[in-house]
Amino acid sequence: MLLALISIIGYLMTILSTVVIVQFILSLLIAFNVVSLSNNFVSSIWHALNMILDPFLKPIRKIMPDTGMIDFSPMVLLIGLRILQMLLMGLANDIASAGM
């Protein structure tokens, strides 16, 4: 049961990482005027992604120093999620080897 829970948490962290990457790509497309926020579809996706990620990025932004135009908080979130995934995989391996 615990292994299933660890797998579900790992899967959710993978989804969150994908959302961070999608938001990053969309922000680049908006910054270089490839797509416009005046388009309702792009605007709704942009606002949905920001609503999903803001609870995770705001605490990181409070801790990080101001770097001007570049926001490093998504990169810090991705690194933190990857470290947490590695820790959970190690825990899952320990549980699996203790059960054998």
N, C-alpha and C. Protein backbone atom coordinates (compact mmCIF):
# COMPACT_ATOMS: atom_id res chain seq x y z
N MET A 1 0.82 -1.20 0.00
CA MET A 1 0.00 0.00 0.00
C MET A 1 0.87 1.26 0.00
N LEU A 2 1.93 1.24 0.80
CA LEU A 2 2.82 2.40 0.86
C LEU A 2 3.56 2.60 -0.47
N LEU A 3 3.91 1.50 -1.13
CA LEU A 3 4.57 1.62 -2.43
C LEU A 3 3.65 2.26 -3.46
N ALA A 4 2.38 1.92 -3.40
CA ALA A 4 1.41 2.52 -4.32
C ALA A 4 1.28 4.01 -4.06
N LEU A 5 1.26 4.40 -2.80
CA LEU A 5 1.17 5.82 -2.45
C LEU A 5 2.40 6.58 -2.93
N ILE A 6 3.57 5.99 -2.76
CA ILE A 6 4.80 6.62 -3.23
C ILE A 6 4.78 6.75 -4.75
N SER A 7 4.28 5.75 -5.44
CA SER A 7 4.18 5.81 -6.91
C SER A 7 3.22 6.90 -7.35
N ILE A 8 2.10 7.04 -6.67
CA ILE A 8 1.12 8.08 -7.02
C ILE A 8 1.73 9.47 -6.80
N ILE A 9 2.42 9.66 -5.69
CA ILE A 9 3.06 10.95 -5.42
C ILE A 9 4.11 11.25 -6.48
N GLY A 10 4.90 10.24 -6.86
CA GLY A 10 5.90 10.43 -7.91
C GLY A 10 5.27 10.79 -9.24
N TYR A 11 4.14 10.16 -9.55
CA TYR A 11 3.43 10.47 -10.79
C TYR A 11 2.90 11.90 -10.78
N LEU A 12 2.36 12.34 -9.66
CA LEU A 12 1.85 13.72 -9.54
C LEU A 12 2.99 14.73 -9.67
N MET A 13 4.16 14.39 -9.13
CA MET A 13 5.31 15.30 -9.26
C MET A 13 5.78 15.37 -10.71
N THR A 14 5.67 14.27 -11.45
CA THR A 14 6.02 14.29 -12.87
C THR A 14 5.05 15.18 -13.65
N ILE A 15 3.77 15.09 -13.32
CA ILE A 15 2.78 15.96 -13.96
C ILE A 15 3.07 17.43 -13.66
N LEU A 16 3.40 17.73 -12.40
CA LEU A 16 3.72 19.11 -12.02
C LEU A 16 4.96 19.61 -12.76
N SER A 17 5.95 18.77 -12.91
CA SER A 17 7.15 19.15 -13.67
C SER A 17 6.80 19.46 -15.12
N THR A 18 5.93 18.68 -15.70
CA THR A 18 5.49 18.91 -17.07
C THR A 18 4.75 20.24 -17.19
N VAL A 19 3.93 20.55 -16.22
CA VAL A 19 3.19 21.83 -16.23
C VAL A 19 4.17 23.00 -16.14
N VAL A 20 5.22 22.87 -15.33
CA VAL A 20 6.23 23.93 -15.23
C VAL A 20 6.90 24.15 -16.59
N ILE A 21 7.24 23.07 -17.27
CA ILE A 21 7.91 23.18 -18.57
C ILE A 21 6.96 23.80 -19.60
N VAL A 22 5.70 23.41 -19.59
CA VAL A 22 4.72 23.98 -20.52
C VAL A 22 4.56 25.48 -20.26
N GLN A 23 4.50 25.86 -19.00
CA GLN A 23 4.38 27.28 -18.68
C GLN A 23 5.61 28.05 -19.15
N PHE A 24 6.78 27.47 -18.99
CA PHE A 24 8.01 28.12 -19.42
C PHE A 24 8.00 28.33 -20.94
N ILE A 25 7.63 27.30 -21.68
CA ILE A 25 7.59 27.41 -23.13
C ILE A 25 6.56 28.45 -23.56
N LEU A 26 5.39 28.43 -22.94
CA LEU A 26 4.36 29.41 -23.28
C LEU A 26 4.82 30.83 -22.94
N SER A 27 5.54 30.99 -21.84
CA SER A 27 6.02 32.33 -21.49
C SER A 27 7.04 32.83 -22.51
N LEU A 28 7.85 31.94 -23.05
CA LEU A 28 8.78 32.34 -24.11
C LEU A 28 8.03 32.72 -25.38
N LEU A 29 7.01 31.95 -25.73
CA LEU A 29 6.22 32.27 -26.92
C LEU A 29 5.51 33.61 -26.77
N ILE A 30 5.05 33.91 -25.56
CA ILE A 30 4.40 35.20 -25.32
C ILE A 30 5.43 36.33 -25.36
N ALA A 31 6.60 36.10 -24.75
CA ALA A 31 7.63 37.14 -24.70
C ALA A 31 8.15 37.51 -26.08
N PHE A 32 8.22 36.53 -26.98
CA PHE A 32 8.73 36.80 -28.33
C PHE A 32 7.62 37.05 -29.35
N ASN A 33 6.41 37.32 -28.85
CA ASN A 33 5.25 37.66 -29.67
C ASN A 33 4.90 36.61 -30.72
N VAL A 34 5.16 35.35 -30.41
CA VAL A 34 4.72 34.27 -31.29
C VAL A 34 3.23 34.04 -31.08
N VAL A 35 2.81 34.10 -29.81
CA VAL A 35 1.39 34.04 -29.47
C VAL A 35 1.06 35.27 -28.63
N SER A 36 -0.21 35.61 -28.59
CA SER A 36 -0.61 36.82 -27.88
C SER A 36 -1.64 36.49 -26.81
N LEU A 37 -1.55 37.20 -25.70
CA LEU A 37 -2.53 37.03 -24.63
C LEU A 37 -3.89 37.61 -25.00
N SER A 38 -3.97 38.35 -26.11
CA SER A 38 -5.27 38.84 -26.56
C SER A 38 -6.10 37.71 -27.15
N ASN A 39 -5.46 36.61 -27.53
CA ASN A 39 -6.17 35.40 -27.97
C ASN A 39 -6.78 34.75 -26.73
N ASN A 40 -8.08 34.52 -26.73
CA ASN A 40 -8.78 33.98 -25.56
C ASN A 40 -8.27 32.61 -25.16
N PHE A 41 -7.96 31.76 -26.14
CA PHE A 41 -7.48 30.42 -25.84
C PHE A 41 -6.12 30.47 -25.13
N VAL A 42 -5.21 31.26 -25.66
CA VAL A 42 -3.88 31.40 -25.06
C VAL A 42 -3.99 32.03 -23.68
N SER A 43 -4.84 33.02 -23.56
CA SER A 43 -5.02 33.69 -22.28
C SER A 43 -5.58 32.74 -21.21
N SER A 44 -6.54 31.92 -21.59
CA SER A 44 -7.12 31.00 -20.61
C SER A 44 -6.11 29.92 -20.19
N ILE A 45 -5.32 29.44 -21.14
CA ILE A 45 -4.28 28.47 -20.78
C ILE A 45 -3.24 29.11 -19.87
N TRP A 46 -2.83 30.33 -20.20
CA TRP A 46 -1.82 31.03 -19.40
C TRP A 46 -2.30 31.25 -17.97
N HIS A 47 -3.54 31.68 -17.83
CA HIS A 47 -4.08 31.93 -16.49
C HIS A 47 -4.28 30.62 -15.72
N ALA A 48 -4.68 29.56 -16.39
CA ALA A 48 -4.84 28.26 -15.73
C ALA A 48 -3.50 27.73 -15.24
N LEU A 49 -2.48 27.83 -16.08
CA LEU A 49 -1.15 27.37 -15.67
C LEU A 49 -0.63 28.17 -14.48
N ASN A 50 -0.85 29.49 -14.51
CA ASN A 50 -0.40 30.32 -13.40
C ASN A 50 -1.16 30.00 -12.11
N MET A 51 -2.45 29.70 -12.22
CA MET A 51 -3.22 29.35 -11.03
C MET A 51 -2.75 28.02 -10.43
N ILE A 52 -2.35 27.10 -11.29
CA ILE A 52 -1.85 25.80 -10.81
C ILE A 52 -0.50 25.96 -10.15
N LEU A 53 0.38 26.76 -10.74
CA LEU A 53 1.77 26.84 -10.28
C LEU A 53 2.02 27.89 -9.20
N ASP A 54 1.18 28.90 -9.09
CA ASP A 54 1.42 29.97 -8.11
C ASP A 54 1.58 29.46 -6.67
N PRO A 55 0.78 28.50 -6.20
CA PRO A 55 0.99 28.04 -4.82
C PRO A 55 2.37 27.40 -4.60
N PHE A 56 2.98 26.88 -5.65
CA PHE A 56 4.30 26.27 -5.53
C PHE A 56 5.42 27.28 -5.74
N LEU A 57 5.18 28.26 -6.61
CA LEU A 57 6.23 29.21 -6.96
C LEU A 57 6.32 30.41 -6.01
N LYS A 58 5.21 30.82 -5.42
CA LYS A 58 5.23 32.00 -4.54
C LYS A 58 6.18 31.84 -3.35
N PRO A 59 6.16 30.70 -2.64
CA PRO A 59 7.12 30.56 -1.52
C PRO A 59 8.56 30.59 -1.97
N ILE A 60 8.84 30.04 -3.16
CA ILE A 60 10.20 30.06 -3.69
C ILE A 60 10.61 31.49 -4.05
N ARG A 61 9.69 32.24 -4.63
CA ARG A 61 9.98 33.63 -5.01
C ARG A 61 10.23 34.50 -3.78
N LYS A 62 9.59 34.19 -2.65
CA LYS A 62 9.84 34.95 -1.43
C LYS A 62 11.24 34.74 -0.90
N ILE A 63 11.77 33.54 -1.09
CA ILE A 63 13.10 33.19 -0.58
C ILE A 63 14.20 33.66 -1.53
N MET A 64 13.95 33.54 -2.83
CA MET A 64 14.97 33.85 -3.84
C MET A 64 15.25 35.36 -3.88
N PRO A 65 16.51 35.74 -4.14
CA PRO A 65 16.81 37.16 -4.31
C PRO A 65 16.24 37.65 -5.64
N ASP A 66 15.98 38.95 -5.72
CA ASP A 66 15.44 39.54 -6.94
C ASP A 66 16.53 39.55 -8.01
N THR A 67 16.24 38.92 -9.14
CA THR A 67 17.22 38.84 -10.23
C THR A 67 16.79 39.67 -11.43
N GLY A 68 15.86 40.55 -11.23
CA GLY A 68 15.43 41.42 -12.32
C GLY A 68 14.42 40.73 -13.21
N MET A 69 14.70 40.69 -14.50
CA MET A 69 13.75 40.15 -15.47
C MET A 69 13.71 38.63 -15.48
N ILE A 70 14.74 37.96 -14.98
CA ILE A 70 14.80 36.51 -15.04
C ILE A 70 14.25 35.91 -13.76
N ASP A 71 13.29 35.00 -13.91
CA ASP A 71 12.67 34.32 -12.77
C ASP A 71 13.21 32.89 -12.69
N PHE A 72 14.01 32.63 -11.67
CA PHE A 72 14.61 31.32 -11.51
C PHE A 72 13.75 30.36 -10.68
N SER A 73 12.61 30.83 -10.19
CA SER A 73 11.80 29.98 -9.33
C SER A 73 11.28 28.71 -10.01
N PRO A 74 10.92 28.71 -11.30
CA PRO A 74 10.53 27.43 -11.92
C PRO A 74 11.67 26.42 -11.95
N MET A 75 12.90 26.91 -12.19
CA MET A 75 14.04 26.01 -12.20
C MET A 75 14.29 25.43 -10.80
N VAL A 76 14.15 26.25 -9.78
CA VAL A 76 14.32 25.77 -8.40
C VAL A 76 13.24 24.75 -8.07
N LEU A 77 12.01 25.00 -8.54
CA LEU A 77 10.93 24.04 -8.31
C LEU A 77 11.22 22.72 -9.01
N LEU A 78 11.69 22.76 -10.25
CA LEU A 78 12.02 21.52 -10.96
C LEU A 78 13.12 20.74 -10.27
N ILE A 79 14.15 21.43 -9.80
CA ILE A 79 15.24 20.77 -9.09
C ILE A 79 14.73 20.16 -7.78
N GLY A 80 13.91 20.90 -7.05
CA GLY A 80 13.34 20.39 -5.81
C GLY A 80 12.45 19.18 -6.04
N LEU A 81 11.64 19.21 -7.10
CA LEU A 81 10.79 18.06 -7.40
C LEU A 81 11.62 16.84 -7.77
N ARG A 82 12.69 17.06 -8.52
CA ARG A 82 13.55 15.93 -8.91
C ARG A 82 14.25 15.32 -7.69
N ILE A 83 14.72 16.16 -6.78
CA ILE A 83 15.35 15.66 -5.55
C ILE A 83 14.34 14.88 -4.73
N LEU A 84 13.13 15.40 -4.61
CA LEU A 84 12.09 14.70 -3.87
C LEU A 84 11.73 13.37 -4.53
N GLN A 85 11.71 13.33 -5.86
CA GLN A 85 11.45 12.07 -6.56
C GLN A 85 12.54 11.05 -6.27
N MET A 86 13.80 11.49 -6.26
CA MET A 86 14.90 10.56 -5.97
C MET A 86 14.80 10.03 -4.55
N LEU A 87 14.44 10.90 -3.60
CA LEU A 87 14.28 10.45 -2.22
C LEU A 87 13.14 9.44 -2.09
N LEU A 88 12.03 9.70 -2.78
CA LEU A 88 10.91 8.76 -2.74
C LEU A 88 11.26 7.43 -3.40
N MET A 89 12.03 7.47 -4.48
CA MET A 89 12.44 6.23 -5.12
C MET A 89 13.35 5.42 -4.21
N GLY A 90 14.24 6.10 -3.50
CA GLY A 90 15.09 5.41 -2.53
C GLY A 90 14.28 4.80 -1.40
N LEU A 91 13.29 5.53 -0.93
CA LEU A 91 12.41 5.00 0.11
C LEU A 91 11.63 3.80 -0.39
N ALA A 92 11.14 3.88 -1.62
CA ALA A 92 10.40 2.77 -2.20
C ALA A 92 11.30 1.55 -2.35
N ASN A 93 12.54 1.76 -2.76
CA ASN A 93 13.48 0.63 -2.88
C ASN A 93 13.78 0.01 -1.53
N ASP A 94 13.92 0.84 -0.49
CA ASP A 94 14.17 0.32 0.85
C ASP A 94 12.99 -0.50 1.34
N ILE A 95 11.79 -0.03 1.07
CA ILE A 95 10.58 -0.76 1.50
C ILE A 95 10.46 -2.06 0.74
N ALA A 96 10.76 -2.02 -0.55
CA ALA A 96 10.65 -3.22 -1.37
C ALA A 96 11.68 -4.27 -0.96
N SER A 97 12.91 -3.82 -0.65
CA SER A 97 13.94 -4.79 -0.27
C SER A 97 13.70 -5.33 1.14
N ALA A 98 13.07 -4.57 2.01
CA ALA A 98 12.77 -5.05 3.36
C ALA A 98 11.62 -6.06 3.33
N GLY A 99 10.75 -5.95 2.34
CA GLY A 99 9.61 -6.86 2.22
C GLY A 99 10.00 -8.20 1.65
N MET A 100 11.15 -8.32 1.02
CA MET A 100 11.56 -9.58 0.38
C MET A 100 12.13 -10.53 1.38
